[in-house]
Amino acid sequence: KHILLTLLPFPKVLQSKDFISEKFGTLERARWDYDAVRNNY
């Protein structure tokens, strides 16, 4: 159920690139790879 709850916001938010750009902006730092994301988490 927790896994499902964490997935539920994505179908709505991913529908609009414009919404994402206006609401949350863009990333202004160098990207993290998979290991960096996992280790930071």
PDB file of all heavy atoms in Angstrom:
ATOM      1  N   LYS A   1       0.833  -1.206   0.000  1.00  0.00           N
ATOM      2  CA  LYS A   1       0.000   0.000   0.000  1.00  0.00           C
ATOM      3  C   LYS A   1       0.869   1.259   0.000  1.00  0.00           C
ATOM      4  O   LYS A   1       0.594   2.222  -0.716  1.00  0.00           O
ATOM      5  CB  LYS A   1      -0.946  -0.007   1.201  1.00  0.00           C
ATOM      6  CG  LYS A   1      -1.833   1.229   1.330  1.00  0.00           C
ATOM      7  CD  LYS A   1      -2.831   1.336   0.191  1.00  0.00           C
ATOM      8  CE  LYS A   1      -3.684   2.577   0.299  1.00  0.00           C
ATOM      9  NZ  LYS A   1      -5.086   2.333   0.419  1.00  0.00           N
ATOM     10  N   HIS A   2       1.953   1.246   0.780  1.00  0.00           N
ATOM     11  CA  HIS A   2       2.872   2.382   0.796  1.00  0.00           C
ATOM     12  C   HIS A   2       3.472   2.602  -0.590  1.00  0.00           C
ATOM     13  O   HIS A   2       3.538   3.745  -1.070  1.00  0.00           O
ATOM     14  CB  HIS A   2       3.982   2.163   1.825  1.00  0.00           C
ATOM     15  CG  HIS A   2       5.104   3.137   1.719  1.00  0.00           C
ATOM     16  ND1 HIS A   2       4.987   4.457   2.101  1.00  0.00           N
ATOM     17  CD2 HIS A   2       6.366   2.992   1.232  1.00  0.00           C
ATOM     18  CE1 HIS A   2       6.141   5.087   1.866  1.00  0.00           C
ATOM     19  NE2 HIS A   2       6.983   4.220   1.338  1.00  0.00           N
ATOM     20  N   ILE A   3       3.899   1.546  -1.233  1.00  0.00           N
ATOM     21  CA  ILE A   3       4.462   1.662  -2.588  1.00  0.00           C
ATOM     22  C   ILE A   3       3.427   2.297  -3.515  1.00  0.00           C
ATOM     23  O   ILE A   3       3.741   3.218  -4.267  1.00  0.00           O
ATOM     24  CB  ILE A   3       4.933   0.282  -3.101  1.00  0.00           C
ATOM     25  CG1 ILE A   3       6.180  -0.176  -2.332  1.00  0.00           C
ATOM     26  CG2 ILE A   3       5.206   0.326  -4.607  1.00  0.00           C
ATOM     27  CD1 ILE A   3       6.563  -1.630  -2.563  1.00  0.00           C
ATOM     28  N   LEU A   4       2.192   1.824  -3.452  1.00  0.00           N
ATOM     29  CA  LEU A   4       1.130   2.402  -4.283  1.00  0.00           C
ATOM     30  C   LEU A   4       0.911   3.879  -3.953  1.00  0.00           C
ATOM     31  O   LEU A   4       0.821   4.714  -4.863  1.00  0.00           O
ATOM     32  CB  LEU A   4      -0.178   1.624  -4.106  1.00  0.00           C
ATOM     33  CG  LEU A   4      -1.399   2.208  -4.818  1.00  0.00           C
ATOM     34  CD1 LEU A   4      -1.188   2.276  -6.323  1.00  0.00           C
ATOM     35  CD2 LEU A   4      -2.645   1.395  -4.475  1.00  0.00           C
ATOM     36  N   LEU A   5       0.847   4.209  -2.685  1.00  0.00           N
ATOM     37  CA  LEU A   5       0.622   5.608  -2.286  1.00  0.00           C
ATOM     38  C   LEU A   5       1.708   6.537  -2.831  1.00  0.00           C
ATOM     39  O   LEU A   5       1.422   7.674  -3.217  1.00  0.00           O
ATOM     40  CB  LEU A   5       0.546   5.727  -0.762  1.00  0.00           C
ATOM     41  CG  LEU A   5      -0.695   5.146  -0.092  1.00  0.00           C
ATOM     42  CD1 LEU A   5      -0.539   5.144   1.423  1.00  0.00           C
ATOM     43  CD2 LEU A   5      -1.950   5.901  -0.510  1.00  0.00           C
ATOM     44  N   THR A   6       2.947   6.053  -2.869  1.00  0.00           N
ATOM     45  CA  THR A   6       4.025   6.898  -3.371  1.00  0.00           C
ATOM     46  C   THR A   6       3.987   7.042  -4.891  1.00  0.00           C
ATOM     47  O   THR A   6       4.538   8.002  -5.434  1.00  0.00           O
ATOM     48  CB  THR A   6       5.418   6.370  -2.950  1.00  0.00           C
ATOM     49  OG1 THR A   6       5.639   5.073  -3.508  1.00  0.00           O
ATOM     50  CG2 THR A   6       5.545   6.338  -1.432  1.00  0.00           C
ATOM     51  N   LEU A   7       3.330   6.117  -5.574  1.00  0.00           N
ATOM     52  CA  LEU A   7       3.213   6.187  -7.037  1.00  0.00           C
ATOM     53  C   LEU A   7       2.053   7.070  -7.488  1.00  0.00           C
ATOM     54  O   LEU A   7       2.102   7.650  -8.577  1.00  0.00           O
ATOM     55  CB  LEU A   7       3.005   4.784  -7.615  1.00  0.00           C
ATOM     56  CG  LEU A   7       4.167   3.806  -7.502  1.00  0.00           C
ATOM     57  CD1 LEU A   7       3.736   2.418  -7.963  1.00  0.00           C
ATOM     58  CD2 LEU A   7       5.371   4.301  -8.288  1.00  0.00           C
ATOM     59  N   LEU A   8       1.014   7.159  -6.687  1.00  0.00           N
ATOM     60  CA  LEU A   8      -0.229   7.814  -7.119  1.00  0.00           C
ATOM     61  C   LEU A   8      -0.096   9.269  -7.584  1.00  0.00           C
ATOM     62  O   LEU A   8      -0.831   9.666  -8.492  1.00  0.00           O
ATOM     63  CB  LEU A   8      -1.287   7.702  -6.024  1.00  0.00           C
ATOM     64  CG  LEU A   8      -1.870   6.292  -5.839  1.00  0.00           C
ATOM     65  CD1 LEU A   8      -2.833   6.267  -4.654  1.00  0.00           C
ATOM     66  CD2 LEU A   8      -2.541   5.799  -7.112  1.00  0.00           C
ATOM     67  N   PRO A   9       0.802  10.078  -7.043  1.00  0.00           N
ATOM     68  CA  PRO A   9       0.899  11.459  -7.559  1.00  0.00           C
ATOM     69  C   PRO A   9       1.437  11.555  -8.992  1.00  0.00           C
ATOM     70  O   PRO A   9       1.158  12.523  -9.698  1.00  0.00           O
ATOM     71  CB  PRO A   9       1.858  12.150  -6.587  1.00  0.00           C
ATOM     72  CG  PRO A   9       1.831  11.324  -5.350  1.00  0.00           C
ATOM     73  CD  PRO A   9       1.579   9.924  -5.806  1.00  0.00           C
ATOM     74  N   PHE A  10       2.198  10.569  -9.437  1.00  0.00           N
ATOM     75  CA  PHE A  10       2.903  10.692 -10.714  1.00  0.00           C
ATOM     76  C   PHE A  10       2.009  10.692 -11.951  1.00  0.00           C
ATOM     77  O   PHE A  10       2.284  11.474 -12.874  1.00  0.00           O
ATOM     78  CB  PHE A  10       4.000   9.633 -10.825  1.00  0.00           C
ATOM     79  CG  PHE A  10       5.129   9.868  -9.867  1.00  0.00           C
ATOM     80  CD1 PHE A  10       5.335   9.022  -8.795  1.00  0.00           C
ATOM     81  CD2 PHE A  10       5.967  10.965 -10.010  1.00  0.00           C
ATOM     82  CE1 PHE A  10       6.357   9.240  -7.896  1.00  0.00           C
ATOM     83  CE2 PHE A  10       7.000  11.202  -9.111  1.00  0.00           C
ATOM     84  CZ  PHE A  10       7.192  10.333  -8.057  1.00  0.00           C
ATOM     85  N   PRO A  11       0.969   9.876 -12.047  1.00  0.00           N
ATOM     86  CA  PRO A  11       0.147   9.945 -13.267  1.00  0.00           C
ATOM     87  C   PRO A  11      -0.425  11.341 -13.524  1.00  0.00           C
ATOM     88  O   PRO A  11      -0.508  11.776 -14.671  1.00  0.00           O
ATOM     89  CB  PRO A  11      -0.957   8.923 -13.013  1.00  0.00           C
ATOM     90  CG  PRO A  11      -0.314   7.912 -12.125  1.00  0.00           C
ATOM     91  CD  PRO A  11       0.571   8.732 -11.220  1.00  0.00           C
ATOM     92  N   LYS A  12      -0.779  12.042 -12.481  1.00  0.00           N
ATOM     93  CA  LYS A  12      -1.329  13.381 -12.665  1.00  0.00           C
ATOM     94  C   LYS A  12      -0.235  14.386 -13.031  1.00  0.00           C
ATOM     95  O   LYS A  12      -0.358  15.136 -13.997  1.00  0.00           O
ATOM     96  CB  LYS A  12      -2.060  13.833 -11.401  1.00  0.00           C
ATOM     97  CG  LYS A  12      -2.706  15.186 -11.541  1.00  0.00           C
ATOM     98  CD  LYS A  12      -3.515  15.562 -10.317  1.00  0.00           C
ATOM     99  CE  LYS A  12      -4.138  16.937 -10.499  1.00  0.00           C
ATOM    100  NZ  LYS A  12      -4.909  17.352  -9.344  1.00  0.00           N
ATOM    101  N   VAL A  13       0.847  14.408 -12.266  1.00  0.00           N
ATOM    102  CA  VAL A  13       1.867  15.433 -12.474  1.00  0.00           C
ATOM    103  C   VAL A  13       2.617  15.241 -13.795  1.00  0.00           C
ATOM    104  O   VAL A  13       2.977  16.219 -14.459  1.00  0.00           O
ATOM    105  CB  VAL A  13       2.842  15.528 -11.271  1.00  0.00           C
ATOM    106  CG1 VAL A  13       3.825  14.374 -11.236  1.00  0.00           C
ATOM    107  CG2 VAL A  13       3.572  16.857 -11.269  1.00  0.00           C
ATOM    108  N   LEU A  14       2.844  14.003 -14.198  1.00  0.00           N
ATOM    109  CA  LEU A  14       3.613  13.762 -15.423  1.00  0.00           C
ATOM    110  C   LEU A  14       2.836  14.075 -16.695  1.00  0.00           C
ATOM    111  O   LEU A  14       3.415  14.117 -17.776  1.00  0.00           O
ATOM    112  CB  LEU A  14       4.106  12.310 -15.467  1.00  0.00           C
ATOM    113  CG  LEU A  14       5.196  11.937 -14.468  1.00  0.00           C
ATOM    114  CD1 LEU A  14       5.478  10.435 -14.519  1.00  0.00           C
ATOM    115  CD2 LEU A  14       6.464  12.737 -14.713  1.00  0.00           C
ATOM    116  N   GLN A  15       1.538  14.316 -16.574  1.00  0.00           N
ATOM    117  CA  GLN A  15       0.727  14.636 -17.748  1.00  0.00           C
ATOM    118  C   GLN A  15       1.089  15.974 -18.379  1.00  0.00           C
ATOM    119  O   GLN A  15       0.838  16.184 -19.559  1.00  0.00           O
ATOM    120  CB  GLN A  15      -0.759  14.649 -17.375  1.00  0.00           C
ATOM    121  CG  GLN A  15      -1.327  13.280 -17.136  1.00  0.00           C
ATOM    122  CD  GLN A  15      -2.800  13.344 -16.801  1.00  0.00           C
ATOM    123  OE1 GLN A  15      -3.509  14.261 -17.203  1.00  0.00           O
ATOM    124  NE2 GLN A  15      -3.270  12.354 -16.064  1.00  0.00           N
ATOM    125  N   SER A  16       1.676  16.884 -17.603  1.00  0.00           N
ATOM    126  CA  SER A  16       1.936  18.224 -18.133  1.00  0.00           C
ATOM    127  C   SER A  16       3.351  18.695 -17.833  1.00  0.00           C
ATOM    128  O   SER A  16       3.678  19.030 -16.687  1.00  0.00           O
ATOM    129  CB  SER A  16       0.933  19.224 -17.554  1.00  0.00           C
ATOM    130  OG  SER A  16       1.264  20.529 -17.980  1.00  0.00           O
ATOM    131  N   LYS A  17       4.162  18.751 -18.867  1.00  0.00           N
ATOM    132  CA  LYS A  17       5.516  19.285 -18.735  1.00  0.00           C
ATOM    133  C   LYS A  17       5.459  20.767 -18.360  1.00  0.00           C
ATOM    134  O   LYS A  17       6.289  21.244 -17.580  1.00  0.00           O
ATOM    135  CB  LYS A  17       6.288  19.096 -20.034  1.00  0.00           C
ATOM    136  CG  LYS A  17       6.484  17.643 -20.406  1.00  0.00           C
ATOM    137  CD  LYS A  17       7.092  17.510 -21.790  1.00  0.00           C
ATOM    138  CE  LYS A  17       7.078  16.073 -22.250  1.00  0.00           C
ATOM    139  NZ  LYS A  17       7.659  15.915 -23.592  1.00  0.00           N
ATOM    140  N   ASP A  18       4.476  21.481 -18.915  1.00  0.00           N
ATOM    141  CA  ASP A  18       4.326  22.908 -18.592  1.00  0.00           C
ATOM    142  C   ASP A  18       4.014  23.105 -17.115  1.00  0.00           C
ATOM    143  O   ASP A  18       4.568  24.000 -16.473  1.00  0.00           O
ATOM    144  CB  ASP A  18       3.225  23.548 -19.444  1.00  0.00           C
ATOM    145  CG  ASP A  18       3.614  23.673 -20.902  1.00  0.00           C
ATOM    146  OD1 ASP A  18       4.828  23.696 -21.208  1.00  0.00           O
ATOM    147  OD2 ASP A  18       2.706  23.749 -21.755  1.00  0.00           O
ATOM    148  N   PHE A  19       3.131  22.277 -16.571  1.00  0.00           N
ATOM    149  CA  PHE A  19       2.795  22.366 -15.149  1.00  0.00           C
ATOM    150  C   PHE A  19       4.044  22.139 -14.306  1.00  0.00           C
ATOM    151  O   PHE A  19       4.321  22.890 -13.360  1.00  0.00           O
ATOM    152  CB  PHE A  19       1.713  21.350 -14.782  1.00  0.00           C
ATOM    153  CG  PHE A  19       1.461  21.268 -13.303  1.00  0.00           C
ATOM    154  CD1 PHE A  19       0.678  22.218 -12.667  1.00  0.00           C
ATOM    155  CD2 PHE A  19       2.028  20.253 -12.538  1.00  0.00           C
ATOM    156  CE1 PHE A  19       0.450  22.150 -11.290  1.00  0.00           C
ATOM    157  CE2 PHE A  19       1.801  20.174 -11.176  1.00  0.00           C
ATOM    158  CZ  PHE A  19       1.015  21.127 -10.547  1.00  0.00           C
ATOM    159  N   ILE A  20       4.815  21.112 -14.638  1.00  0.00           N
ATOM    160  CA  ILE A  20       6.036  20.814 -13.876  1.00  0.00           C
ATOM    161  C   ILE A  20       6.991  22.001 -13.933  1.00  0.00           C
ATOM    162  O   ILE A  20       7.519  22.441 -12.912  1.00  0.00           O
ATOM    163  CB  ILE A  20       6.714  19.532 -14.405  1.00  0.00           C
ATOM    164  CG1 ILE A  20       5.830  18.312 -14.108  1.00  0.00           C
ATOM    165  CG2 ILE A  20       8.099  19.344 -13.783  1.00  0.00           C
ATOM    166  CD1 ILE A  20       6.297  17.025 -14.765  1.00  0.00           C
ATOM    167  N   SER A  21       7.190  22.536 -15.123  1.00  0.00           N
ATOM    168  CA  SER A  21       8.104  23.657 -15.296  1.00  0.00           C
ATOM    169  C   SER A  21       7.647  24.883 -14.513  1.00  0.00           C
ATOM    170  O   SER A  21       8.448  25.542 -13.833  1.00  0.00           O
ATOM    171  CB  SER A  21       8.236  23.990 -16.781  1.00  0.00           C
ATOM    172  OG  SER A  21       9.127  25.046 -16.968  1.00  0.00           O
ATOM    173  N   GLU A  22       6.349  25.208 -14.587  1.00  0.00           N
ATOM    174  CA  GLU A  22       5.821  26.385 -13.895  1.00  0.00           C
ATOM    175  C   GLU A  22       5.769  26.196 -12.382  1.00  0.00           C
ATOM    176  O   GLU A  22       6.076  27.104 -11.625  1.00  0.00           O
ATOM    177  CB  GLU A  22       4.432  26.713 -14.430  1.00  0.00           C
ATOM    178  CG  GLU A  22       4.448  27.228 -15.857  1.00  0.00           C
ATOM    179  CD  GLU A  22       3.058  27.312 -16.477  1.00  0.00           C
ATOM    180  OE1 GLU A  22       2.057  27.257 -15.731  1.00  0.00           O
ATOM    181  OE2 GLU A  22       2.977  27.418 -17.716  1.00  0.00           O
ATOM    182  N   LYS A  23       5.374  25.024 -11.939  1.00  0.00           N
ATOM    183  CA  LYS A  23       5.172  24.773 -10.503  1.00  0.00           C
ATOM    184  C   LYS A  23       6.483  24.475  -9.767  1.00  0.00           C
ATOM    185  O   LYS A  23       6.698  24.937  -8.651  1.00  0.00           O
ATOM    186  CB  LYS A  23       4.185  23.617 -10.325  1.00  0.00           C
ATOM    187  CG  LYS A  23       3.904  23.222  -8.902  1.00  0.00           C
ATOM    188  CD  LYS A  23       2.762  23.969  -8.331  1.00  0.00           C
ATOM    189  CE  LYS A  23       2.427  23.410  -6.958  1.00  0.00           C
ATOM    190  NZ  LYS A  23       1.591  24.280  -6.202  1.00  0.00           N
ATOM    191  N   PHE A  24       7.365  23.689 -10.394  1.00  0.00           N
ATOM    192  CA  PHE A  24       8.556  23.214  -9.695  1.00  0.00           C
ATOM    193  C   PHE A  24       9.869  23.691 -10.307  1.00  0.00           C
ATOM    194  O   PHE A  24      10.920  23.560  -9.698  1.00  0.00           O
ATOM    195  CB  PHE A  24       8.552  21.680  -9.616  1.00  0.00           C
ATOM    196  CG  PHE A  24       7.282  21.122  -9.046  1.00  0.00           C
ATOM    197  CD1 PHE A  24       6.455  20.329  -9.817  1.00  0.00           C
ATOM    198  CD2 PHE A  24       6.889  21.402  -7.746  1.00  0.00           C
ATOM    199  CE1 PHE A  24       5.265  19.803  -9.304  1.00  0.00           C
ATOM    200  CE2 PHE A  24       5.708  20.897  -7.215  1.00  0.00           C
ATOM    201  CZ  PHE A  24       4.895  20.100  -8.008  1.00  0.00           C
ATOM    202  N   GLY A  25       9.814  24.209 -11.523  1.00  0.00           N
ATOM    203  CA  GLY A  25      11.012  24.765 -12.151  1.00  0.00           C
ATOM    204  C   GLY A  25      11.928  23.699 -12.725  1.00  0.00           C
ATOM    205  O   GLY A  25      11.517  22.582 -13.035  1.00  0.00           O
ATOM    206  N   THR A  26      13.175  24.090 -12.833  1.00  0.00           N
ATOM    207  CA  THR A  26      14.174  23.205 -13.415  1.00  0.00           C
ATOM    208  C   THR A  26      15.282  22.962 -12.402  1.00  0.00           C
ATOM    209  O   THR A  26      15.424  23.693 -11.420  1.00  0.00           O
ATOM    210  CB  THR A  26      14.771  23.821 -14.701  1.00  0.00           C
ATOM    211  OG1 THR A  26      15.319  25.099 -14.379  1.00  0.00           O
ATOM    212  CG2 THR A  26      13.705  23.972 -15.781  1.00  0.00           C
ATOM    213  N   LEU A  27      16.057  21.955 -12.666  1.00  0.00           N
ATOM    214  CA  LEU A  27      17.163  21.607 -11.782  1.00  0.00           C
ATOM    215  C   LEU A  27      18.364  22.474 -12.131  1.00  0.00           C
ATOM    216  O   LEU A  27      18.758  22.559 -13.289  1.00  0.00           O
ATOM    217  CB  LEU A  27      17.508  20.122 -11.940  1.00  0.00           C
ATOM    218  CG  LEU A  27      18.355  19.521 -10.844  1.00  0.00           C
ATOM    219  CD1 LEU A  27      17.614  19.565  -9.503  1.00  0.00           C
ATOM    220  CD2 LEU A  27      18.716  18.099 -11.188  1.00  0.00           C
ATOM    221  N   GLU A  28      18.929  23.114 -11.132  1.00  0.00           N
ATOM    222  CA  GLU A  28      20.034  24.054 -11.343  1.00  0.00           C
ATOM    223  C   GLU A  28      21.323  23.540 -10.710  1.00  0.00           C
ATOM    224  O   GLU A  28      22.080  24.300 -10.128  1.00  0.00           O
ATOM    225  CB  GLU A  28      19.668  25.429 -10.761  1.00  0.00           C
ATOM    226  CG  GLU A  28      18.415  26.045 -11.334  1.00  0.00           C
ATOM    227  CD  GLU A  28      18.498  26.356 -12.812  1.00  0.00           C
ATOM    228  OE1 GLU A  28      19.613  26.612 -13.320  1.00  0.00           O
ATOM    229  OE2 GLU A  28      17.443  26.315 -13.481  1.00  0.00           O
ATOM    230  N   ARG A  29      21.558  22.262 -10.808  1.00  0.00           N
ATOM    231  CA  ARG A  29      22.805  21.667 -10.314  1.00  0.00           C
ATOM    232  C   ARG A  29      23.164  20.514 -11.240  1.00  0.00           C
ATOM    233  O   ARG A  29      22.360  20.090 -12.060  1.00  0.00           O
ATOM    234  CB  ARG A  29      22.659  21.177  -8.869  1.00  0.00           C
ATOM    235  CG  ARG A  29      21.608  20.107  -8.691  1.00  0.00           C
ATOM    236  CD  ARG A  29      21.755  19.389  -7.352  1.00  0.00           C
ATOM    237  NE  ARG A  29      20.591  18.576  -7.069  1.00  0.00           N
ATOM    238  CZ  ARG A  29      20.301  17.417  -7.646  1.00  0.00           C
ATOM    239  NH1 ARG A  29      21.095  16.927  -8.580  1.00  0.00           N
ATOM    240  NH2 ARG A  29      19.213  16.740  -7.320  1.00  0.00           N
ATOM    241  N   ALA A  30      24.373  19.995 -11.079  1.00  0.00           N
ATOM    242  CA  ALA A  30      24.782  18.836 -11.869  1.00  0.00           C
ATOM    243  C   ALA A  30      23.924  17.634 -11.471  1.00  0.00           C
ATOM    244  O   ALA A  30      23.478  17.524 -10.319  1.00  0.00           O
ATOM    245  CB  ALA A  30      26.259  18.531 -11.637  1.00  0.00           C
ATOM    246  N   ARG A  31      23.693  16.769 -12.418  1.00  0.00           N
ATOM    247  CA  ARG A  31      22.820  15.619 -12.144  1.00  0.00           C
ATOM    248  C   ARG A  31      23.505  14.569 -11.282  1.00  0.00           C
ATOM    249  O   ARG A  31      24.726  14.459 -11.251  1.00  0.00           O
ATOM    250  CB  ARG A  31      22.340  15.019 -13.452  1.00  0.00           C
ATOM    251  CG  ARG A  31      23.413  14.338 -14.257  1.00  0.00           C
ATOM    252  CD  ARG A  31      22.858  13.832 -15.562  1.00  0.00           C
ATOM    253  NE  ARG A  31      23.904  13.170 -16.324  1.00  0.00           N
ATOM    254  CZ  ARG A  31      23.774  12.819 -17.565  1.00  0.00           C
ATOM    255  NH1 ARG A  31      22.649  13.070 -18.218  1.00  0.00           N
ATOM    256  NH2 ARG A  31      24.743  12.214 -18.195  1.00  0.00           N
ATOM    257  N   TRP A  32      22.663  13.824 -10.574  1.00  0.00           N
ATOM    258  CA  TRP A  32      23.116  12.688  -9.779  1.00  0.00           C
ATOM    259  C   TRP A  32      22.831  11.420 -10.556  1.00  0.00           C
ATOM    260  O   TRP A  32      21.784  11.291 -11.188  1.00  0.00           O
ATOM    261  CB  TRP A  32      22.372  12.615  -8.454  1.00  0.00           C
ATOM    262  CG  TRP A  32      22.613  13.734  -7.495  1.00  0.00           C
ATOM    263  CD1 TRP A  32      23.620  14.656  -7.523  1.00  0.00           C
ATOM    264  CD2 TRP A  32      21.815  14.042  -6.352  1.00  0.00           C
ATOM    265  NE1 TRP A  32      23.494  15.524  -6.459  1.00  0.00           N
ATOM    266  CE2 TRP A  32      22.391  15.163  -5.727  1.00  0.00           C
ATOM    267  CE3 TRP A  32      20.686  13.476  -5.795  1.00  0.00           C
ATOM    268  CZ2 TRP A  32      21.872  15.734  -4.572  1.00  0.00           C
ATOM    269  CZ3 TRP A  32      20.157  14.036  -4.646  1.00  0.00           C
ATOM    270  CH2 TRP A  32      20.755  15.147  -4.041  1.00  0.00           C
ATOM    271  N   ASP A  33      23.730  10.426 -10.457  1.00  0.00           N
ATOM    272  CA  ASP A  33      23.456   9.124 -11.043  1.00  0.00           C
ATOM    273  C   ASP A  33      22.643   8.294 -10.043  1.00  0.00           C
ATOM    274  O   ASP A  33      22.308   8.748  -8.940  1.00  0.00           O
ATOM    275  CB  ASP A  33      24.743   8.427 -11.496  1.00  0.00           C
ATOM    276  CG  ASP A  33      25.643   7.981 -10.348  1.00  0.00           C
ATOM    277  OD1 ASP A  33      25.270   8.128  -9.160  1.00  0.00           O
ATOM    278  OD2 ASP A  33      26.741   7.482 -10.639  1.00  0.00           O
ATOM    279  N   TYR A  34      22.336   7.080 -10.424  1.00  0.00           N
ATOM    280  CA  TYR A  34      21.515   6.197  -9.591  1.00  0.00           C
ATOM    281  C   TYR A  34      22.122   6.026  -8.197  1.00  0.00           C
ATOM    282  O   TYR A  34      21.424   6.140  -7.185  1.00  0.00           O
ATOM    283  CB  TYR A  34      21.365   4.837 -10.281  1.00  0.00           C
ATOM    284  CG  TYR A  34      20.584   3.830  -9.479  1.00  0.00           C
ATOM    285  CD1 TYR A  34      19.200   3.754  -9.586  1.00  0.00           C
ATOM    286  CD2 TYR A  34      21.225   2.955  -8.611  1.00  0.00           C
ATOM    287  CE1 TYR A  34      18.465   2.838  -8.850  1.00  0.00           C
ATOM    288  CE2 TYR A  34      20.505   2.031  -7.868  1.00  0.00           C
ATOM    289  CZ  TYR A  34      19.133   1.979  -7.984  1.00  0.00           C
ATOM    290  OH  TYR A  34      18.423   1.065  -7.246  1.00  0.00           O
ATOM    291  N   ASP A  35      23.422   5.741  -8.133  1.00  0.00           N
ATOM    292  CA  ASP A  35      24.061   5.515  -6.833  1.00  0.00           C
ATOM    293  C   ASP A  35      24.027   6.762  -5.958  1.00  0.00           C
ATOM    294  O   ASP A  35      23.813   6.664  -4.746  1.00  0.00           O
ATOM    295  CB  ASP A  35      25.514   5.063  -7.015  1.00  0.00           C
ATOM    296  CG  ASP A  35      25.612   3.617  -7.493  1.00  0.00           C
ATOM    297  OD1 ASP A  35      24.644   2.852  -7.330  1.00  0.00           O
ATOM    298  OD2 ASP A  35      26.682   3.255  -8.025  1.00  0.00           O
ATOM    299  N   ALA A  36      24.242   7.924  -6.550  1.00  0.00           N
ATOM    300  CA  ALA A  36      24.211   9.163  -5.776  1.00  0.00           C
ATOM    301  C   ALA A  36      22.823   9.400  -5.186  1.00  0.00           C
ATOM    302  O   ALA A  36      22.693   9.770  -4.019  1.00  0.00           O
ATOM    303  CB  ALA A  36      24.630  10.348  -6.641  1.00  0.00           C
ATOM    304  N   VAL A  37      21.791   9.163  -5.985  1.00  0.00           N
ATOM    305  CA  VAL A  37      20.418   9.346  -5.482  1.00  0.00           C
ATOM    306  C   VAL A  37      20.155   8.375  -4.335  1.00  0.00           C
ATOM    307  O   VAL A  37      19.683   8.766  -3.262  1.00  0.00           O
ATOM    308  CB  VAL A  37      19.381   9.157  -6.617  1.00  0.00           C
ATOM    309  CG1 VAL A  37      17.963   9.130  -6.057  1.00  0.00           C
ATOM    310  CG2 VAL A  37      19.526  10.264  -7.658  1.00  0.00           C
ATOM    311  N   ARG A  38      20.483   7.110  -4.550  1.00  0.00           N
ATOM    312  CA  ARG A  38      20.240   6.100  -3.510  1.00  0.00           C
ATOM    313  C   ARG A  38      21.029   6.423  -2.239  1.00  0.00           C
ATOM    314  O   ARG A  38      20.486   6.378  -1.125  1.00  0.00           O
ATOM    315  CB  ARG A  38      20.606   4.708  -4.025  1.00  0.00           C
ATOM    316  CG  ARG A  38      20.204   3.606  -3.032  1.00  0.00           C
ATOM    317  CD  ARG A  38      20.801   2.258  -3.359  1.00  0.00           C
ATOM    318  NE  ARG A  38      22.238   2.342  -3.136  1.00  0.00           N
ATOM    319  CZ  ARG A  38      23.146   1.965  -4.020  1.00  0.00           C
ATOM    320  NH1 ARG A  38      22.800   1.485  -5.173  1.00  0.00           N
ATOM    321  NH2 ARG A  38      24.423   2.076  -3.739  1.00  0.00           N
ATOM    322  N   ASN A  39      22.296   6.746  -2.393  1.00  0.00           N
ATOM    323  CA  ASN A  39      23.123   7.026  -1.220  1.00  0.00           C
ATOM    324  C   ASN A  39      22.655   8.269  -0.476  1.00  0.00           C
ATOM    325  O   ASN A  39      22.664   8.295   0.758  1.00  0.00           O
ATOM    326  CB  ASN A  39      24.596   7.154  -1.626  1.00  0.00           C
ATOM    327  CG  ASN A  39      25.175   5.820  -2.071  1.00  0.00           C
ATOM    328  OD1 ASN A  39      24.669   4.758  -1.735  1.00  0.00           O
ATOM    329  ND2 ASN A  39      26.232   5.876  -2.861  1.00  0.00           N
ATOM    330  N   ASN A  40      22.247   9.297  -1.195  1.00  0.00           N
ATOM    331  CA  ASN A  40      21.717  10.491  -0.537  1.00  0.00           C
ATOM    332  C   ASN A  40      20.411  10.189   0.181  1.00  0.00           C
ATOM    333  O   ASN A  40      20.157  10.691   1.275  1.00  0.00           O
ATOM    334  CB  ASN A  40      21.559  11.635  -1.536  1.00  0.00           C
ATOM    335  CG  ASN A  40      22.893  12.216  -1.957  1.00  0.00           C
ATOM    336  OD1 ASN A  40      23.850  12.223  -1.182  1.00  0.00           O
ATOM    337  ND2 ASN A  40      22.974  12.682  -3.181  1.00  0.00           N
ATOM    338  N   TYR A  41      19.572   9.348  -0.421  1.00  0.00           N
ATOM    339  CA  TYR A  41      18.322   8.942   0.228  1.00  0.00           C
ATOM    340  C   TYR A  41      18.610   8.184   1.529  1.00  0.00           C
ATOM    341  O   TYR A  41      17.969   8.420   2.554  1.00  0.00           O
ATOM    342  CB  TYR A  41      17.487   8.082  -0.729  1.00  0.00           C
ATOM    343  CG  TYR A  41      16.306   7.440  -0.055  1.00  0.00           C
ATOM    344  CD1 TYR A  41      15.188   8.204   0.302  1.00  0.00           C
ATOM    345  CD2 TYR A  41      16.296   6.089   0.248  1.00  0.00           C
ATOM    346  CE1 TYR A  41      14.109   7.626   0.934  1.00  0.00           C
ATOM    347  CE2 TYR A  41      15.216   5.504   0.880  1.00  0.00           C
ATOM    348  CZ  TYR A  41      14.127   6.274   1.225  1.00  0.00           C
ATOM    349  OH  TYR A  41      13.057   5.700   1.862  1.00  0.00           O
TER     350      TYR A  41
END
